[in-house]
């Protein structure tokens, strides 16, 4: 005969074999409560969850700034002197805000907006440019003479687009406002003359919280 073990609980004795199912059931309930739910939404839908910079803000700001830049009378005039579409190079955008913002996404979105406008072209820069140069150099010794791409034959950019992101935060009690200032500048690469400066202040958010600390 197997010996059964008992444990005292509240003045009573509980069989340990009855305790195991209860523990397993409790573990199952805890796992169910910790499950994750995922719901797909339209990429154009505004989803402000935290009040911080998001994809909607990115789209609004970049589209607005690129339209302003390409419509600028000075940019149009300078491009006309070239007798062709101006070639843009998108440089870095600095994050001078109080939150983490991946500004490389801003630069990438600016490139897409320029390309899709059909009114200008842009030259590859940064890591892409370095990869292209490395490949061309490699072709000089490994590709046939007929197919190897020539060195020192790049199309130089006419204008450089750079910018920055800043925030102003105002708070009173459990309510605060976040205003984003996104600035962009277009510079003539040969003369260093600024052709256009734009600033977008459309993104302003009011965040209210029930917590004492925001």
C-alpha atoms as a PDB file:
ATOM      1  CA  UNK A   1       0.000   0.000   0.000  1.00  0.00           C
ATOM      2  CA  UNK A   2       1.313   3.464  -1.022  1.00  0.00           C
ATOM      3  CA  UNK A   3       1.723   5.938   1.752  1.00  0.00           C
ATOM      4  CA  UNK A   4      -0.217   9.154   1.258  1.00  0.00           C
ATOM      5  CA  UNK A   5       1.116  12.499   2.470  1.00  0.00           C
ATOM      6  CA  UNK A   6      -1.090  15.132   3.999  1.00  0.00           C
ATOM      7  CA  UNK A   7      -0.449  18.838   4.574  1.00  0.00           C
ATOM      8  CA  UNK A   8      -2.138  20.955   7.244  1.00  0.00           C
ATOM      9  CA  UNK A   9      -4.224  23.884   5.904  1.00  0.00           C
ATOM     10  CA  UNK A  10      -6.499  26.000   8.095  1.00  0.00           C
ATOM     11  CA  UNK A  11      -6.906  23.250  10.680  1.00  0.00           C
ATOM     12  CA  UNK A  12      -7.770  20.693   8.007  1.00  0.00           C
ATOM     13  CA  UNK A  13      -5.802  18.049   6.174  1.00  0.00           C
ATOM     14  CA  UNK A  14      -5.583  18.278   2.363  1.00  0.00           C
ATOM     15  CA  UNK A  15      -4.517  15.409   0.117  1.00  0.00           C
ATOM     16  CA  UNK A  16      -1.551  16.482  -2.015  1.00  0.00           C
ATOM     17  CA  UNK A  17      -3.037  14.738  -5.049  1.00  0.00           C
ATOM     18  CA  UNK A  18      -5.991  17.118  -4.884  1.00  0.00           C
ATOM     19  CA  UNK A  19      -3.657  20.115  -4.718  1.00  0.00           C
ATOM     20  CA  UNK A  20      -1.866  19.411  -8.050  1.00  0.00           C
ATOM     21  CA  UNK A  21      -4.951  19.896 -10.305  1.00  0.00           C
ATOM     22  CA  UNK A  22      -5.739  23.161  -8.541  1.00  0.00           C
ATOM     23  CA  UNK A  23      -2.222  24.490  -9.169  1.00  0.00           C
ATOM     24  CA  UNK A  24      -2.388  23.487 -12.846  1.00  0.00           C
ATOM     25  CA  UNK A  25      -5.765  25.192 -13.260  1.00  0.00           C
ATOM     26  CA  UNK A  26      -4.397  28.376 -11.704  1.00  0.00           C
ATOM     27  CA  UNK A  27      -1.420  28.319 -14.075  1.00  0.00           C
ATOM     28  CA  UNK A  28      -3.798  27.932 -17.038  1.00  0.00           C
ATOM     29  CA  UNK A  29      -5.805  30.978 -15.946  1.00  0.00           C
ATOM     30  CA  UNK A  30      -2.664  33.080 -15.598  1.00  0.00           C
ATOM     31  CA  UNK A  31      -1.488  32.072 -19.083  1.00  0.00           C
ATOM     32  CA  UNK A  32      -4.871  32.966 -20.560  1.00  0.00           C
ATOM     33  CA  UNK A  33      -4.773  36.428 -18.982  1.00  0.00           C
ATOM     34  CA  UNK A  34      -1.305  37.070 -20.448  1.00  0.00           C
ATOM     35  CA  UNK A  35      -2.295  36.265 -24.046  1.00  0.00           C
ATOM     36  CA  UNK A  36      -1.629  38.809 -26.827  1.00  0.00           C
ATOM     37  CA  UNK A  37      -4.296  40.156 -29.168  1.00  0.00           C
ATOM     38  CA  UNK A  38      -3.398  41.529 -32.625  1.00  0.00           C
ATOM     39  CA  UNK A  39      -5.722  43.500 -34.897  1.00  0.00           C
ATOM     40  CA  UNK A  40      -4.759  44.716 -38.365  1.00  0.00           C
ATOM     41  CA  UNK A  41      -5.754  48.284 -39.305  1.00  0.00           C
ATOM     42  CA  UNK A  42      -5.495  50.421 -42.428  1.00  0.00           C
ATOM     43  CA  UNK A  43      -2.020  51.963 -42.714  1.00  0.00           C
ATOM     44  CA  UNK A  44      -3.657  55.365 -43.324  1.00  0.00           C
ATOM     45  CA  UNK A  45      -5.626  55.217 -40.076  1.00  0.00           C
ATOM     46  CA  UNK A  46      -4.554  57.622 -37.346  1.00  0.00           C
ATOM     47  CA  UNK A  47      -3.489  55.644 -34.270  1.00  0.00           C
ATOM     48  CA  UNK A  48      -2.335  58.007 -31.540  1.00  0.00           C
ATOM     49  CA  UNK A  49      -1.630  55.814 -28.532  1.00  0.00           C
ATOM     50  CA  UNK A  50       1.094  57.548 -26.535  1.00  0.00           C
ATOM     51  CA  UNK A  51       1.008  61.095 -27.870  1.00  0.00           C
ATOM     52  CA  UNK A  52       4.524  60.782 -29.241  1.00  0.00           C
ATOM     53  CA  UNK A  53       5.761  61.064 -32.847  1.00  0.00           C
ATOM     54  CA  UNK A  54       4.194  58.425 -35.101  1.00  0.00           C
ATOM     55  CA  UNK A  55       3.716  57.377 -38.730  1.00  0.00           C
ATOM     56  CA  UNK A  56       0.818  59.772 -39.310  1.00  0.00           C
ATOM     57  CA  UNK A  57       2.929  62.727 -38.191  1.00  0.00           C
ATOM     58  CA  UNK A  58       5.736  61.581 -40.472  1.00  0.00           C
ATOM     59  CA  UNK A  59       3.458  61.420 -43.523  1.00  0.00           C
ATOM     60  CA  UNK A  60       1.837  64.808 -42.905  1.00  0.00           C
ATOM     61  CA  UNK A  61       5.113  66.642 -42.309  1.00  0.00           C
ATOM     62  CA  UNK A  62       7.142  65.141 -45.163  1.00  0.00           C
ATOM     63  CA  UNK A  63       4.438  65.603 -47.806  1.00  0.00           C
ATOM     64  CA  UNK A  64       3.878  69.206 -46.724  1.00  0.00           C
ATOM     65  CA  UNK A  65       7.561  70.158 -46.671  1.00  0.00           C
ATOM     66  CA  UNK A  66       8.412  68.571 -50.032  1.00  0.00           C
ATOM     67  CA  UNK A  67       5.467  70.309 -51.723  1.00  0.00           C
ATOM     68  CA  UNK A  68       6.564  73.623 -50.229  1.00  0.00           C
ATOM     69  CA  UNK A  69      10.152  73.046 -51.342  1.00  0.00           C
ATOM     70  CA  UNK A  70       9.373  72.076 -54.941  1.00  0.00           C
ATOM     71  CA  UNK A  71       6.842  74.925 -55.296  1.00  0.00           C
ATOM     72  CA  UNK A  72       9.303  77.533 -54.016  1.00  0.00           C
ATOM     73  CA  UNK A  73       9.874  80.218 -56.656  1.00  0.00           C
ATOM     74  CA  UNK A  74      13.608  80.279 -55.972  1.00  0.00           C
ATOM     75  CA  UNK A  75      13.930  76.501 -56.341  1.00  0.00           C
ATOM     76  CA  UNK A  76      11.873  76.566 -59.551  1.00  0.00           C
ATOM     77  CA  UNK A  77      14.014  79.410 -60.911  1.00  0.00           C
ATOM     78  CA  UNK A  78      17.297  77.726 -60.002  1.00  0.00           C
ATOM     79  CA  UNK A  79      16.126  74.411 -61.478  1.00  0.00           C
ATOM     80  CA  UNK A  80      15.133  76.202 -64.684  1.00  0.00           C
ATOM     81  CA  UNK A  81      18.662  77.480 -65.126  1.00  0.00           C
ATOM     82  CA  UNK A  82      19.932  73.910 -65.204  1.00  0.00           C
ATOM     83  CA  UNK A  83      17.864  73.054 -68.266  1.00  0.00           C
ATOM     84  CA  UNK A  84      16.937  69.691 -66.723  1.00  0.00           C
ATOM     85  CA  UNK A  85      15.447  68.215 -63.581  1.00  0.00           C
ATOM     86  CA  UNK A  86      17.419  69.219 -60.522  1.00  0.00           C
ATOM     87  CA  UNK A  87      19.199  66.416 -58.690  1.00  0.00           C
ATOM     88  CA  UNK A  88      18.606  66.370 -54.945  1.00  0.00           C
ATOM     89  CA  UNK A  89      20.723  64.691 -52.307  1.00  0.00           C
ATOM     90  CA  UNK A  90      18.948  64.052 -49.007  1.00  0.00           C
ATOM     91  CA  UNK A  91      21.312  64.455 -46.095  1.00  0.00           C
ATOM     92  CA  UNK A  92      20.845  63.833 -42.372  1.00  0.00           C
ATOM     93  CA  UNK A  93      17.963  65.111 -40.272  1.00  0.00           C
ATOM     94  CA  UNK A  94      19.005  65.853 -36.686  1.00  0.00           C
ATOM     95  CA  UNK A  95      16.877  64.804 -33.732  1.00  0.00           C
ATOM     96  CA  UNK A  96      16.877  67.744 -31.313  1.00  0.00           C
ATOM     97  CA  UNK A  97      13.627  66.752 -29.616  1.00  0.00           C
ATOM     98  CA  UNK A  98      13.083  65.356 -26.111  1.00  0.00           C
ATOM     99  CA  UNK A  99      12.146  61.889 -27.384  1.00  0.00           C
ATOM    100  CA  UNK A 100      13.666  59.127 -29.475  1.00  0.00           C
ATOM    101  CA  UNK A 101      12.881  59.707 -33.162  1.00  0.00           C
ATOM    102  CA  UNK A 102      14.501  57.672 -35.920  1.00  0.00           C
ATOM    103  CA  UNK A 103      15.245  60.569 -38.270  1.00  0.00           C
ATOM    104  CA  UNK A 104      16.588  58.222 -40.958  1.00  0.00           C
ATOM    105  CA  UNK A 105      12.925  57.386 -41.647  1.00  0.00           C
ATOM    106  CA  UNK A 106      12.261  61.098 -42.228  1.00  0.00           C
ATOM    107  CA  UNK A 107      15.124  61.261 -44.739  1.00  0.00           C
ATOM    108  CA  UNK A 108      13.885  58.114 -46.502  1.00  0.00           C
ATOM    109  CA  UNK A 109      10.327  59.473 -46.692  1.00  0.00           C
ATOM    110  CA  UNK A 110      11.630  62.745 -48.136  1.00  0.00           C
ATOM    111  CA  UNK A 111      13.414  60.788 -50.869  1.00  0.00           C
ATOM    112  CA  UNK A 112      10.219  58.913 -51.740  1.00  0.00           C
ATOM    113  CA  UNK A 113       8.235  62.175 -51.859  1.00  0.00           C
ATOM    114  CA  UNK A 114      10.811  63.769 -54.182  1.00  0.00           C
ATOM    115  CA  UNK A 115      10.868  60.730 -56.454  1.00  0.00           C
ATOM    116  CA  UNK A 116       7.082  60.395 -56.611  1.00  0.00           C
ATOM    117  CA  UNK A 117       6.653  64.100 -57.419  1.00  0.00           C
ATOM    118  CA  UNK A 118       8.234  63.559 -60.850  1.00  0.00           C
ATOM    119  CA  UNK A 119       9.618  67.101 -60.637  1.00  0.00           C
ATOM    120  CA  UNK A 120      13.130  66.312 -59.464  1.00  0.00           C
ATOM    121  CA  UNK A 121      15.578  63.473 -59.185  1.00  0.00           C
ATOM    122  CA  UNK A 122      17.730  62.473 -56.283  1.00  0.00           C
ATOM    123  CA  UNK A 123      21.205  61.012 -55.991  1.00  0.00           C
ATOM    124  CA  UNK A 124      21.991  58.103 -53.710  1.00  0.00           C
ATOM    125  CA  UNK A 125      23.887  59.043 -50.597  1.00  0.00           C
ATOM    126  CA  UNK A 126      25.148  57.537 -47.368  1.00  0.00           C
ATOM    127  CA  UNK A 127      25.526  53.752 -47.173  1.00  0.00           C
ATOM    128  CA  UNK A 128      23.897  53.228 -50.584  1.00  0.00           C
ATOM    129  CA  UNK A 129      26.426  55.476 -52.298  1.00  0.00           C
ATOM    130  CA  UNK A 130      29.325  53.704 -50.593  1.00  0.00           C
ATOM    131  CA  UNK A 131      27.960  50.312 -51.669  1.00  0.00           C
ATOM    132  CA  UNK A 132      27.667  51.519 -55.283  1.00  0.00           C
ATOM    133  CA  UNK A 133      31.219  52.820 -55.306  1.00  0.00           C
ATOM    134  CA  UNK A 134      32.523  49.583 -53.846  1.00  0.00           C
ATOM    135  CA  UNK A 135      30.701  47.560 -56.487  1.00  0.00           C
ATOM    136  CA  UNK A 136      32.006  49.723 -59.348  1.00  0.00           C
ATOM    137  CA  UNK A 137      35.544  49.388 -58.032  1.00  0.00           C
ATOM    138  CA  UNK A 138      35.126  45.611 -57.788  1.00  0.00           C
ATOM    139  CA  UNK A 139      33.904  45.464 -61.382  1.00  0.00           C
ATOM    140  CA  UNK A 140      37.124  47.009 -62.656  1.00  0.00           C
ATOM    141  CA  UNK A 141      39.010  43.794 -61.939  1.00  0.00           C
ATOM    142  CA  UNK A 142      36.247  41.208 -62.182  1.00  0.00           C
ATOM    143  CA  UNK A 143      33.773  42.254 -64.879  1.00  0.00           C
ATOM    144  CA  UNK A 144      34.352  42.295 -68.613  1.00  0.00           C
ATOM    145  CA  UNK A 145      35.530  45.522 -70.189  1.00  0.00           C
ATOM    146  CA  UNK A 146      32.223  45.872 -72.013  1.00  0.00           C
ATOM    147  CA  UNK A 147      30.039  45.563 -68.905  1.00  0.00           C
ATOM    148  CA  UNK A 148      32.172  47.151 -66.167  1.00  0.00           C
ATOM    149  CA  UNK A 149      30.693  50.463 -65.045  1.00  0.00           C
ATOM    150  CA  UNK A 150      33.060  53.399 -65.362  1.00  0.00           C
ATOM    151  CA  UNK A 151      34.591  55.161 -62.374  1.00  0.00           C
ATOM    152  CA  UNK A 152      34.258  58.912 -61.797  1.00  0.00           C
ATOM    153  CA  UNK A 153      31.068  59.049 -63.851  1.00  0.00           C
ATOM    154  CA  UNK A 154      28.510  59.740 -61.129  1.00  0.00           C
ATOM    155  CA  UNK A 155      25.818  62.370 -61.527  1.00  0.00           C
ATOM    156  CA  UNK A 156      26.617  65.024 -58.982  1.00  0.00           C
ATOM    157  CA  UNK A 157      23.776  66.405 -56.919  1.00  0.00           C
ATOM    158  CA  UNK A 158      22.761  70.039 -57.385  1.00  0.00           C
ATOM    159  CA  UNK A 159      21.031  70.592 -54.053  1.00  0.00           C
ATOM    160  CA  UNK A 160      21.356  69.132 -50.547  1.00  0.00           C
ATOM    161  CA  UNK A 161      18.280  68.729 -48.340  1.00  0.00           C
ATOM    162  CA  UNK A 162      18.886  68.594 -44.570  1.00  0.00           C
ATOM    163  CA  UNK A 163      16.834  69.347 -41.487  1.00  0.00           C
ATOM    164  CA  UNK A 164      15.986  68.806 -37.833  1.00  0.00           C
ATOM    165  CA  UNK A 165      13.157  67.911 -35.451  1.00  0.00           C
ATOM    166  CA  UNK A 166      12.481  69.827 -32.227  1.00  0.00           C
ATOM    167  CA  UNK A 167       9.710  69.704 -29.640  1.00  0.00           C
ATOM    168  CA  UNK A 168       8.158  72.137 -27.187  1.00  0.00           C
ATOM    169  CA  UNK A 169       6.388  70.550 -24.222  1.00  0.00           C
ATOM    170  CA  UNK A 170       4.023  72.485 -21.955  1.00  0.00           C
ATOM    171  CA  UNK A 171       2.444  70.869 -18.905  1.00  0.00           C
ATOM    172  CA  UNK A 172      -0.076  71.758 -16.239  1.00  0.00           C
ATOM    173  CA  UNK A 173      -1.213  69.093 -13.805  1.00  0.00           C
ATOM    174  CA  UNK A 174      -2.152  65.945 -15.688  1.00  0.00           C
ATOM    175  CA  UNK A 175      -2.415  67.700 -19.056  1.00  0.00           C
ATOM    176  CA  UNK A 176       0.426  68.489 -21.422  1.00  0.00           C
ATOM    177  CA  UNK A 177       0.892  69.623 -24.996  1.00  0.00           C
ATOM    178  CA  UNK A 178       3.556  68.450 -27.417  1.00  0.00           C
ATOM    179  CA  UNK A 179       4.321  70.641 -30.429  1.00  0.00           C
ATOM    180  CA  UNK A 180       6.709  69.421 -33.122  1.00  0.00           C
ATOM    181  CA  UNK A 181       8.851  71.767 -35.190  1.00  0.00           C
ATOM    182  CA  UNK A 182      10.269  70.046 -38.251  1.00  0.00           C
ATOM    183  CA  UNK A 183      12.655  72.246 -40.220  1.00  0.00           C
ATOM    184  CA  UNK A 184      14.101  71.484 -43.660  1.00  0.00           C
ATOM    185  CA  UNK A 185      16.681  73.404 -45.669  1.00  0.00           C
ATOM    186  CA  UNK A 186      17.704  73.149 -49.332  1.00  0.00           C
ATOM    187  CA  UNK A 187      21.238  74.308 -50.139  1.00  0.00           C
ATOM    188  CA  UNK A 188      23.042  74.765 -53.451  1.00  0.00           C
ATOM    189  CA  UNK A 189      25.970  72.337 -53.232  1.00  0.00           C
ATOM    190  CA  UNK A 190      28.237  74.465 -55.408  1.00  0.00           C
ATOM    191  CA  UNK A 191      27.643  77.896 -53.879  1.00  0.00           C
ATOM    192  CA  UNK A 192      26.409  77.025 -50.357  1.00  0.00           C
ATOM    193  CA  UNK A 193      23.485  79.394 -50.951  1.00  0.00           C
ATOM    194  CA  UNK A 194      20.277  78.452 -49.173  1.00  0.00           C
ATOM    195  CA  UNK A 195      17.541  78.192 -51.776  1.00  0.00           C
ATOM    196  CA  UNK A 196      14.678  77.331 -49.463  1.00  0.00           C
ATOM    197  CA  UNK A 197      13.922  76.972 -45.750  1.00  0.00           C
ATOM    198  CA  UNK A 198      10.692  75.425 -44.542  1.00  0.00           C
ATOM    199  CA  UNK A 199       9.224  74.657 -41.138  1.00  0.00           C
ATOM    200  CA  UNK A 200       6.196  72.549 -40.298  1.00  0.00           C
ATOM    201  CA  UNK A 201       4.306  73.188 -37.051  1.00  0.00           C
ATOM    202  CA  UNK A 202       1.134  71.289 -37.849  1.00  0.00           C
ATOM    203  CA  UNK A 203       1.695  68.535 -35.292  1.00  0.00           C
ATOM    204  CA  UNK A 204       0.394  69.650 -31.904  1.00  0.00           C
ATOM    205  CA  UNK A 205      -1.065  67.184 -29.416  1.00  0.00           C
ATOM    206  CA  UNK A 206      -2.884  67.506 -26.093  1.00  0.00           C
ATOM    207  CA  UNK A 207      -2.354  64.510 -23.820  1.00  0.00           C
ATOM    208  CA  UNK A 208      -4.396  64.000 -20.679  1.00  0.00           C
ATOM    209  CA  UNK A 209      -3.602  61.335 -18.127  1.00  0.00           C
ATOM    210  CA  UNK A 210      -5.281  60.145 -14.949  1.00  0.00           C
ATOM    211  CA  UNK A 211      -1.878  59.379 -13.469  1.00  0.00           C
ATOM    212  CA  UNK A 212      -0.141  61.915 -11.307  1.00  0.00           C
ATOM    213  CA  UNK A 213       2.985  61.627 -13.422  1.00  0.00           C
ATOM    214  CA  UNK A 214       2.950  61.921 -17.208  1.00  0.00           C
END
